[in-house]
Each structure stands twice: as C-alpha cells, then as structure tokens.
Amino acid sequence: MVRFCNTPCIQAKRLQRRIKSDNSTFYDTLLSNVYLLQSIGQIFIFGDFNSRIGNLDDHISGIHVIPDRDIIDFDINAYVKPSDPVIQTLPVSVGGTVEVSCTTTGCRPAANISWLYQGSTATGQTALTLTCTTGSSNPASDIRWKNGSVTLSSNRPYMETTGNSNGLVRSQQLILHPTRYMDGDGISCEVSNAESQSDVVDTITLSLKYSPLVTIQEQQQNTLREGESKQLPCEVNSKPSATIKWYHGNSLIIQGTPVSNVLNYSLTPVKRTHYGTYICRADNGIGSENQEKISITVRFKPLTTTITGNSNVIANGKNTLPLVCTSGSSNPISDITWRINSVITPSNGSLSDQSGEYGGMKRRRRLTLTPTRDNDGDRISCEANNSIGTSGKKTVELNLRLKFVEKKEKAFLDV
C-alpha cells in the first residue's frame, strides 16, 4: 500500500495552525505519524521543505536513510521563540560594569542583564543603570522589569538590532536609584513573545554598601530612679558592619564592632552619677560618622544637710539667732523640716533654691530663734526629704554660757 502526503498534510496542517508554526513540534508530529503508519506499506512525503534546502536538521543520523542535500537557503521563515529560560544570579558590588552572561558553551541566554553603577554608596542619589538584552526571536520579545514580585516601569525606549535566524534582538534600560533598603533585592527582567510558552528570566541581586544609620531604641528623654537597672540599646543599619562607640558626655565608655550591628550599654544599678547625655556613634568607613543622643535624668534622694548660723550671740531673750538648713542635691527637690528637741518647729524663714549636682536641686530654709537661758542644751535639727527618700539629720546643740553684768543677764551661744 502506497500513501502519498503532500506536505503539509491535512492533520499536520491543523496542528501547524494550532501551534503557530513551531517547526520542531511540527516535524516531530509528522514523523510520529510516519512511524504509526509504517506497517501499512510505503509512504512518500513530498512538497516544499525548507529543511531540505536549509541548514536545519531534518533527520536522526543513523536511523533515517535520507539522501544528502545541498544547502542553498539560510533564511528561516518560521517563527522563533526566545531560548529556554536561563536564570543568572550575581551580586552587585559598588562601581564598575559587570556583564551577566551564559557560562555554558554555545549557550545564548534569551535574557541578559548588564549594569553600570558609578556611585560609591547607596544613598538614593546615584543612578544604577540596568540593561536587559533579549536573545534573537521572531517576533521581537517584550521586556518586563520586576523587583521581586513588584512590577517596575521603565520609560526608556526599546533598542532593536538584527539577530540570528532572521530574528530581532531587543534591549531596554531601567534606571534605579538604590537606597540601603534595596540591599538584597532581586531585580529581574522577563522576556517573552507570541511564541513563548513561559517567560525567560534573568536576575541580579543587589549587594549594596551604605554608611551607618544609628537608632537608639529609647525616648530621647529618659527619667530613671536611682537603684533600678536600665539597658541602652544602640542599633546601627550599615554595610559592612560599623564600629560602634558609646560616650557619656565626652568620655568613651564602651566600643565594639558586633556582627549584629547592635551594641548595648547597661546601667546596673542606676546611680545619680549616670545623669547626663549619652551618645552612640558609628563608623564603617563609608560616608561620615553617624550618631544619636539620649538624655538620662536620675531621680534620687538627698544624702546630707548642713546647718549654718551665728556662733556667738547674747542669749537675753531679745537677740535673735538665725540658722540656715541647706539640703544636699536631690531630684526632685527636697522639703526641709526643722525640729527643736524632736518637736517639729514651723520655719519662719523664706525658701531659696539653687542648682545642685547630677541635675538635682538644693534647697535652703531659715529658722530664726530668740534664745534665753531656758534654751541652754536644746537640740536643733533639720532634715530633707523627697519622694525618693530622706536624708540623715543634721543636729546642733545650744550651749549657752550665762554671764551676769550689773544685774543684767547675758548668755552666749556656741553652735
């Protein structure tokens, strides 16, 4: 039985229309039909085959017995889709130009990203130019840019050149202004045309260097109580890691280059001497040093009080003896209590306040006495207290020495 098939056969023609002239699939299907019908007799295939005068393979060597041919046609009329997907992932270092290319011998990637970045740091001010170049295809391929799953838009026009097999090579630029927050992002270009069954993708991973950005994870103003514990965390966003230094005022108190870019300073326990400004500074050799400040206010009780006054007075019941009690520095400011022989005595003198140590305040309060011989041996004391605690008492004892002159009684006070 002899079967004639004028190519393309009816069945193959329908398939050819459905697959839009995918030449490999077309000929695979045609040969499959030949093998299927080979037992019924001879099959003759004739018609206009580009493959017999062109440079494409049209048989399997060693299996098919096909006469030799003379190649006279190097043009291909069929559509050509982009090559199989080739995914390239390379880190981007700062400066220079890198071409992402296929490393397999004879391989031509259908998507190829090259880049140019003239900046020294990722500040968001310097442009990173990415160029995606397609492989040869017919029709020309479309290019889509993405950052991860987010589609990026490019306002740059397509550039086209003639490629292999009568196809077109198309390229497009994408202009980015990288910041530190784009470090590790994967920028990809996806390439496809009407003949593609899937996108062809090439990807680069941004590996950016950037100067330190210091953050202290606390409020700028912190009020602590003496005796409790507190940790000051300094977190630095930088690449590479930065050297981090903590200062109390102008004094360096701790430094290090932790891989985590976090350096904590502990106040354990909090003391009144911890009052002041703390500065966290970071430097990694890129750009300028960065720093952040935090102010610490400590609440503490007064430690001491002092009593001052005239040490020599005639105790005749008329002369006055002014005494002044001054509290030690405290935060909040202290109240002052006078006592005579342990009995609270209202003060008849005004208050005055002044700045004290460690960010605290000192308070002064006057007590005015008119001593007589009956006050000899009295104990006069004062103490200071605030919401944090009470100071120790300061006590003086009236030591009156009596002296009679012309029936007049005189007394002297030693304080």
Protein backbone atom coordinates (compact mmCIF):
# COMPACT_ATOMS: atom_id res chain seq x y z
CA MET A 1 0.00 0.00 0.00
CA VAL A 2 1.39 3.34 -1.04
CA ARG A 3 0.35 6.53 0.81
CA PHE A 4 1.09 9.97 -0.59
CA CYS A 5 1.21 13.04 1.62
CA ASN A 6 1.64 16.47 0.09
CA THR A 7 3.24 18.43 2.92
CA PRO A 8 1.81 19.83 4.94
CA CYS A 9 -0.70 17.02 5.36
CA ILE A 10 -4.19 17.82 6.49
CA GLN A 11 -3.63 16.54 10.01
CA ALA A 12 -0.26 18.22 10.26
CA LYS A 13 -1.66 21.44 8.79
CA ARG A 14 -4.29 21.67 11.52
CA LEU A 15 -1.62 21.06 14.13
CA GLN A 16 0.64 23.60 12.48
CA ARG A 17 -2.03 26.29 12.72
CA ARG A 18 -2.69 25.39 16.37
CA ILE A 19 0.96 25.57 17.44
CA LYS A 20 1.67 28.67 15.31
CA SER A 21 4.46 27.13 13.21
CA ASP A 22 6.60 25.66 15.97
CA ASN A 23 8.84 23.81 13.50
CA SER A 24 10.23 21.29 15.99
CA THR A 25 6.78 20.20 17.17
CA PHE A 26 5.50 20.12 13.59
CA TYR A 27 8.15 17.74 12.35
CA ASP A 28 8.04 15.60 15.50
CA THR A 29 4.31 15.11 14.92
CA LEU A 30 4.80 14.40 11.25
CA LEU A 31 7.41 11.74 11.93
CA SER A 32 5.23 10.22 14.64
CA ASN A 33 2.50 9.71 12.03
CA VAL A 34 5.01 8.14 9.68
CA TYR A 35 6.10 5.63 12.34
CA LEU A 36 2.46 4.94 13.20
CA LEU A 37 1.59 4.09 9.57
CA GLN A 38 4.85 2.39 8.56
CA SER A 39 3.34 -1.12 8.76
CA ILE A 40 0.75 -0.46 6.08
CA GLY A 41 3.25 0.00 3.28
CA GLN A 42 5.42 2.59 1.68
CA ILE A 43 4.84 6.26 2.49
CA PHE A 44 6.01 9.03 0.18
CA ILE A 45 6.26 12.56 1.51
CA PHE A 46 6.77 15.36 -0.95
CA GLY A 47 6.35 19.08 -1.06
CA ASP A 48 8.31 22.32 -0.46
CA PHE A 49 10.58 21.70 2.54
CA ASN A 50 12.83 24.50 3.75
CA SER A 51 14.58 21.87 5.81
CA ARG A 52 15.87 20.07 2.66
CA ILE A 53 17.49 23.17 1.26
CA GLY A 54 18.06 24.99 4.53
CA ASN A 55 20.55 24.43 7.34
CA LEU A 56 18.18 22.91 9.94
CA ASP A 57 18.48 19.23 10.89
CA ASP A 58 15.67 17.19 9.32
CA HIS A 59 16.54 13.63 10.34
CA ILE A 60 18.10 11.50 13.05
CA SER A 61 21.53 10.35 11.97
CA GLY A 62 21.88 6.55 11.95
CA ILE A 63 18.14 5.93 11.97
CA HIS A 64 16.74 7.72 8.96
CA VAL A 65 18.06 6.96 5.48
CA ILE A 66 17.90 10.36 3.83
CA PRO A 67 19.87 11.41 0.73
CA ASP A 68 22.46 14.14 1.21
CA ARG A 69 21.40 17.67 0.41
CA ASP A 70 22.86 20.93 -0.83
CA ILE A 71 22.11 23.85 1.48
CA ILE A 72 21.15 26.90 -0.51
CA ASP A 73 18.71 28.63 1.85
CA PHE A 74 19.98 30.09 5.11
CA ASP A 75 16.78 32.02 5.87
CA ILE A 76 14.10 30.61 8.16
CA ASN A 77 10.51 31.54 7.55
CA ALA A 78 9.13 30.02 10.75
CA TYR A 79 8.65 31.97 13.92
CA VAL A 80 11.40 31.71 16.55
CA LYS A 81 10.60 31.99 20.25
CA PRO A 82 13.10 33.06 22.90
CA SER A 83 15.53 30.44 24.14
CA ASP A 84 14.80 28.26 27.15
CA PRO A 85 14.93 30.18 30.45
CA VAL A 86 18.37 30.86 31.81
CA ILE A 87 18.46 32.35 35.32
CA GLN A 88 21.64 34.18 36.28
CA THR A 89 22.17 35.48 39.83
CA LEU A 90 25.21 37.60 40.56
CA PRO A 91 25.90 40.04 43.41
CA VAL A 92 26.19 43.70 42.53
CA SER A 93 29.24 45.38 44.03
CA VAL A 94 29.65 49.14 44.01
CA GLY A 95 31.31 50.68 40.95
CA GLY A 96 32.28 49.40 37.50
CA THR A 97 30.40 47.36 34.91
CA VAL A 98 29.54 43.64 35.00
CA GLU A 99 28.07 41.62 32.13
CA VAL A 100 25.79 38.76 33.14
CA SER A 101 26.31 36.09 30.52
CA CYS A 102 25.63 32.41 29.95
CA THR A 103 28.53 30.25 31.10
CA THR A 104 27.57 27.10 29.18
CA THR A 105 29.48 26.55 25.95
CA GLY A 106 27.35 27.52 22.99
CA CYS A 107 24.54 28.78 25.19
CA ARG A 108 22.81 32.02 24.34
CA PRO A 109 20.61 33.34 27.12
CA ALA A 110 17.36 34.85 26.00
CA ALA A 111 17.52 37.39 28.82
CA ASN A 112 20.78 39.04 29.75
CA ILE A 113 21.20 41.88 32.30
CA SER A 114 24.24 44.13 32.33
CA TRP A 115 24.64 47.02 34.76
CA LEU A 116 26.56 50.21 35.40
CA TYR A 117 26.76 51.91 38.81
CA GLN A 118 29.12 54.83 39.31
CA GLY A 119 28.19 55.56 42.94
CA SER A 120 30.28 54.67 45.98
CA THR A 121 27.36 54.27 48.41
CA ALA A 122 23.65 53.56 48.18
CA THR A 123 22.29 56.97 49.11
CA GLY A 124 19.35 57.12 46.72
CA GLN A 125 21.10 59.92 44.78
CA THR A 126 23.20 57.90 42.32
CA ALA A 127 21.66 56.13 39.34
CA LEU A 128 22.04 52.39 38.74
CA THR A 129 21.50 51.64 35.05
CA LEU A 130 20.36 48.12 34.20
CA THR A 131 20.15 46.92 30.60
CA CYS A 132 18.16 43.82 29.66
CA THR A 133 19.05 42.31 26.28
CA THR A 134 16.89 39.56 24.74
CA GLY A 135 18.05 36.70 22.61
CA SER A 136 17.15 36.68 18.94
CA SER A 137 13.45 36.00 18.39
CA ASN A 138 10.72 36.49 15.83
CA PRO A 139 8.59 38.41 16.55
CA ALA A 140 10.69 40.63 18.82
CA SER A 141 10.32 39.87 22.51
CA ASP A 142 8.70 42.09 25.11
CA ILE A 143 10.66 43.01 28.25
CA ARG A 144 9.14 43.37 31.72
CA TRP A 145 11.08 44.51 34.81
CA LYS A 146 10.38 43.36 38.35
CA ASN A 147 11.73 43.83 41.85
CA GLY A 148 10.75 40.52 43.38
CA SER A 149 7.04 40.26 42.62
CA VAL A 150 6.57 44.01 42.15
CA THR A 151 6.43 45.21 38.55
CA LEU A 152 8.74 48.13 37.73
CA SER A 153 8.08 50.59 34.95
CA SER A 154 10.74 51.86 32.59
CA ASN A 155 10.27 54.91 30.41
CA ARG A 156 13.28 54.03 28.28
CA PRO A 157 12.57 53.02 24.64
CA TYR A 158 13.36 49.64 23.13
CA MET A 159 16.54 49.36 21.07
CA GLU A 160 16.49 46.74 18.31
CA THR A 161 19.21 45.05 16.23
CA THR A 162 19.17 42.16 13.78
CA GLY A 163 19.79 38.80 15.42
CA ASN A 164 20.33 35.22 14.34
CA SER A 165 17.89 33.31 12.17
CA ASN A 166 16.22 36.45 10.86
CA GLY A 167 15.17 37.37 14.38
CA LEU A 168 15.44 40.60 16.35
CA VAL A 169 17.48 41.36 19.46
CA ARG A 170 15.81 43.89 21.72
CA SER A 171 17.22 45.75 24.73
CA GLN A 172 15.86 48.21 27.28
CA GLN A 173 17.31 50.17 30.17
CA LEU A 174 15.93 50.50 33.69
CA ILE A 175 17.14 53.42 35.83
CA LEU A 176 17.11 52.85 39.60
CA HIS A 177 18.33 54.97 42.50
CA PRO A 178 19.24 52.36 45.11
CA THR A 179 18.93 53.06 48.80
CA ARG A 180 20.06 50.96 51.78
CA TYR A 181 16.61 49.42 51.91
CA MET A 182 17.08 47.81 48.47
CA ASP A 183 20.04 45.73 49.61
CA GLY A 184 19.35 42.07 48.76
CA ASP A 185 16.54 42.89 46.32
CA GLY A 186 16.35 40.72 43.22
CA ILE A 187 15.90 42.78 40.04
CA SER A 188 14.78 40.66 37.11
CA CYS A 189 13.80 41.10 33.50
CA GLU A 190 11.26 38.73 31.98
CA VAL A 191 11.29 38.15 28.23
CA SER A 192 8.62 36.58 26.04
CA ASN A 193 6.95 36.86 22.65
CA ALA A 194 3.85 35.39 20.99
CA GLU A 195 5.58 32.02 20.57
CA SER A 196 6.62 31.66 24.20
CA GLN A 197 5.04 29.11 26.48
CA SER A 198 6.82 30.60 29.52
CA ASP A 199 8.84 33.67 30.37
CA VAL A 200 12.61 33.74 30.10
CA VAL A 201 14.12 35.38 33.19
CA ASP A 202 17.46 36.82 34.20
CA THR A 203 18.01 38.15 37.73
CA ILE A 204 20.65 40.09 39.59
CA THR A 205 20.79 40.51 43.35
CA LEU A 206 21.70 43.95 44.66
CA SER A 207 24.54 43.82 47.17
CA LEU A 208 24.97 47.42 48.27
CA LYS A 209 27.29 49.23 50.67
CA TYR A 210 25.97 52.08 52.77
CA SER A 211 27.01 54.32 55.64
CA PRO A 212 25.77 53.82 59.23
CA LEU A 213 22.36 54.96 60.37
CA VAL A 214 22.17 54.98 64.19
CA THR A 215 18.97 54.35 66.13
CA ILE A 216 18.65 54.29 69.93
CA GLN A 217 15.54 52.30 70.77
CA GLU A 218 14.52 54.62 73.59
CA GLN A 219 12.92 58.01 74.05
CA GLN A 220 15.28 60.95 73.75
CA GLN A 221 14.45 61.94 77.34
CA ASN A 222 14.53 59.18 79.96
CA THR A 223 13.89 59.57 83.68
CA LEU A 224 15.25 56.74 85.85
CA ARG A 225 15.17 56.08 89.57
CA GLU A 226 18.38 55.52 91.46
CA GLY A 227 18.86 51.82 92.22
CA GLU A 228 16.95 50.34 89.29
CA SER A 229 18.51 48.79 86.16
CA LYS A 230 18.44 50.11 82.60
CA GLN A 231 19.88 48.99 79.27
CA LEU A 232 20.56 51.46 76.45
CA PRO A 233 20.36 49.69 73.07
CA CYS A 234 22.12 51.21 70.06
CA GLU A 235 21.18 49.67 66.72
CA VAL A 236 23.09 50.54 63.55
CA ASN A 237 21.96 49.97 59.97
CA SER A 238 25.11 49.74 57.86
CA LYS A 239 27.02 47.55 55.43
CA PRO A 240 29.68 46.50 56.15
CA SER A 241 29.37 46.34 59.95
CA ALA A 242 30.30 49.50 61.79
CA THR A 243 32.47 50.21 64.81
CA ILE A 244 30.05 51.40 67.49
CA LYS A 245 31.07 53.64 70.41
CA TRP A 246 29.12 54.80 73.45
CA TYR A 247 30.04 58.10 75.09
CA HIS A 248 28.91 59.64 78.38
CA GLY A 249 29.38 63.29 77.65
CA ASN A 250 32.85 63.41 76.08
CA SER A 251 34.11 60.23 77.78
CA LEU A 252 34.29 56.95 75.84
CA ILE A 253 32.72 54.20 77.96
CA ILE A 254 32.37 51.20 75.60
CA GLN A 255 33.08 50.26 71.97
CA GLY A 256 32.90 47.26 69.65
CA THR A 257 32.26 46.00 66.10
CA PRO A 258 29.44 43.48 66.58
CA VAL A 259 28.31 41.46 63.56
CA SER A 260 24.74 42.09 64.67
CA ASN A 261 25.34 45.87 64.44
CA VAL A 262 23.85 46.23 67.94
CA LEU A 263 25.81 47.45 70.98
CA ASN A 264 24.07 47.83 74.34
CA TYR A 265 25.24 49.76 77.40
CA SER A 266 23.90 48.70 80.78
CA LEU A 267 23.26 50.94 83.78
CA THR A 268 23.20 48.40 86.62
CA PRO A 269 22.32 49.75 89.07
CA VAL A 270 21.38 53.28 88.07
CA LYS A 271 23.33 55.89 90.04
CA ARG A 272 22.99 59.64 90.29
CA THR A 273 26.36 59.87 88.55
CA HIS A 274 24.72 58.35 85.43
CA TYR A 275 22.90 61.63 84.87
CA GLY A 276 23.74 63.32 81.57
CA THR A 277 23.88 62.88 77.80
CA TYR A 278 24.79 59.58 76.17
CA ILE A 279 25.94 59.44 72.55
CA CYS A 280 26.10 56.38 70.29
CA ARG A 281 28.43 56.89 67.32
CA ALA A 282 29.03 54.51 64.41
CA ASP A 283 31.54 54.48 61.56
CA ASN A 284 32.24 51.87 58.85
CA GLY A 285 34.49 53.94 56.60
CA ILE A 286 31.68 54.80 54.17
CA GLY A 287 30.43 58.35 54.26
CA SER A 288 30.56 60.29 57.50
CA GLU A 289 30.18 59.09 61.08
CA ASN A 290 26.60 58.98 62.31
CA GLN A 291 25.40 59.45 65.88
CA GLU A 292 22.30 59.59 68.07
CA LYS A 293 21.88 61.13 71.52
CA ILE A 294 19.83 60.23 74.56
CA SER A 295 19.45 62.17 77.80
CA ILE A 296 19.23 60.43 81.18
CA THR A 297 17.68 62.11 84.20
CA VAL A 298 18.07 60.32 87.55
CA ARG A 299 15.65 60.72 90.47
CA PHE A 300 17.48 60.45 93.78
CA LYS A 301 17.11 61.38 97.44
CA PRO A 302 19.19 63.98 99.33
CA LEU A 303 22.18 62.49 101.14
CA THR A 304 23.15 65.27 103.55
CA THR A 305 22.05 68.50 105.18
CA THR A 306 24.08 71.28 106.76
CA ILE A 307 23.22 73.93 109.39
CA THR A 308 24.94 77.30 109.45
CA GLY A 309 24.39 80.35 111.67
CA ASN A 310 25.92 82.88 114.10
CA SER A 311 28.12 81.09 116.60
CA ASN A 312 28.17 83.86 119.19
CA VAL A 313 25.07 85.61 120.48
CA ILE A 314 24.00 87.07 123.82
CA ALA A 315 21.04 84.96 124.93
CA ASN A 316 18.98 87.60 126.65
CA GLY A 317 15.60 86.82 125.13
CA LYS A 318 15.94 89.73 122.74
CA ASN A 319 18.79 88.92 120.43
CA THR A 320 17.94 86.64 117.50
CA LEU A 321 19.84 83.58 116.34
CA PRO A 322 19.31 82.88 112.58
CA LEU A 323 20.02 79.29 111.48
CA VAL A 324 20.03 78.10 107.84
CA CYS A 325 19.49 74.46 106.80
CA THR A 326 20.73 73.52 103.33
CA SER A 327 19.78 70.19 101.77
CA GLY A 328 22.10 68.16 99.61
CA SER A 329 21.35 67.92 95.89
CA SER A 330 18.26 65.85 95.13
CA ASN A 331 15.78 65.17 92.35
CA PRO A 332 13.01 66.07 92.83
CA ILE A 333 13.89 68.99 95.06
CA SER A 334 13.56 68.28 98.80
CA ASP A 335 11.39 69.75 101.54
CA ILE A 336 13.12 70.81 104.80
CA THR A 337 11.80 70.10 108.29
CA TRP A 338 13.09 71.81 111.46
CA ARG A 339 12.86 70.24 114.91
CA ILE A 340 13.63 71.52 118.41
CA ASN A 341 14.17 68.62 120.77
CA SER A 342 12.49 66.30 118.22
CA VAL A 343 9.41 68.52 118.03
CA ILE A 344 8.64 69.87 114.57
CA THR A 345 9.00 73.61 114.58
CA PRO A 346 7.49 75.74 111.84
CA SER A 347 10.03 77.73 109.92
CA ASN A 348 9.59 81.45 109.90
CA GLY A 349 12.12 81.97 107.15
CA SER A 350 11.81 82.02 103.36
CA LEU A 351 12.95 79.30 100.99
CA SER A 352 15.63 79.64 98.35
CA ASP A 353 16.63 77.09 95.70
CA GLN A 354 19.75 76.62 93.63
CA SER A 355 21.15 74.11 91.15
CA GLY A 356 22.86 71.05 92.60
CA GLU A 357 24.98 68.17 91.37
CA TYR A 358 23.82 65.45 88.91
CA GLY A 359 20.95 67.52 87.61
CA GLY A 360 19.37 67.93 91.05
CA MET A 361 18.45 70.98 93.14
CA LYS A 362 19.47 72.24 96.59
CA ARG A 363 17.05 73.99 98.97
CA ARG A 364 17.77 76.41 101.83
CA ARG A 365 15.38 77.27 104.67
CA ARG A 366 15.87 79.68 107.56
CA LEU A 367 14.91 79.23 111.22
CA THR A 368 15.18 82.30 113.48
CA LEU A 369 15.41 81.77 117.28
CA THR A 370 15.40 84.22 120.21
CA PRO A 371 17.25 82.16 122.83
CA THR A 372 17.05 82.61 126.61
CA ARG A 373 18.79 80.84 129.47
CA ASP A 374 15.97 78.26 129.24
CA ASN A 375 17.17 77.23 125.79
CA ASP A 376 20.52 76.07 127.10
CA GLY A 377 21.06 72.48 125.89
CA ASP A 378 18.26 72.50 123.32
CA ARG A 379 18.92 70.28 120.29
CA ILE A 380 18.11 71.92 116.97
CA SER A 381 17.95 69.58 113.89
CA CYS A 382 16.90 69.70 110.28
CA GLU A 383 16.35 67.03 107.68
CA ALA A 384 15.50 66.99 103.96
CA ASN A 385 13.22 64.55 102.16
CA ASN A 386 11.60 63.99 98.77
CA SER A 387 9.52 61.25 97.16
CA ILE A 388 12.61 59.06 96.76
CA GLY A 389 13.82 59.17 100.36
CA THR A 390 15.03 61.15 103.38
CA SER A 391 18.47 62.48 104.23
CA GLY A 392 20.22 61.98 107.53
CA LYS A 393 19.52 64.60 110.21
CA LYS A 394 21.88 67.42 110.93
CA THR A 395 21.71 68.47 114.61
CA VAL A 396 23.24 71.29 116.63
CA GLU A 397 23.00 71.75 120.41
CA LEU A 398 22.60 75.13 122.02
CA ASN A 399 25.39 75.56 124.56
CA LEU A 400 24.55 78.77 126.44
CA ARG A 401 27.11 80.19 128.86
CA LEU A 402 25.48 82.66 131.24
CA LYS A 403 27.26 85.80 132.41
CA PHE A 404 25.92 88.45 134.85
CA VAL A 405 26.93 92.09 134.31
CA GLU A 406 25.40 94.87 136.51
CA LYS A 407 22.31 92.86 137.25
CA LYS A 408 21.89 92.18 133.56
CA GLU A 409 21.89 88.62 132.35
CA LYS A 410 23.95 87.81 129.35
CA ALA A 411 24.18 84.47 127.61
CA PHE A 412 26.43 83.26 124.81
CA LEU A 413 25.58 80.60 122.24
CA ASP A 414 28.06 78.25 120.76
CA VAL A 415 26.88 76.36 117.75
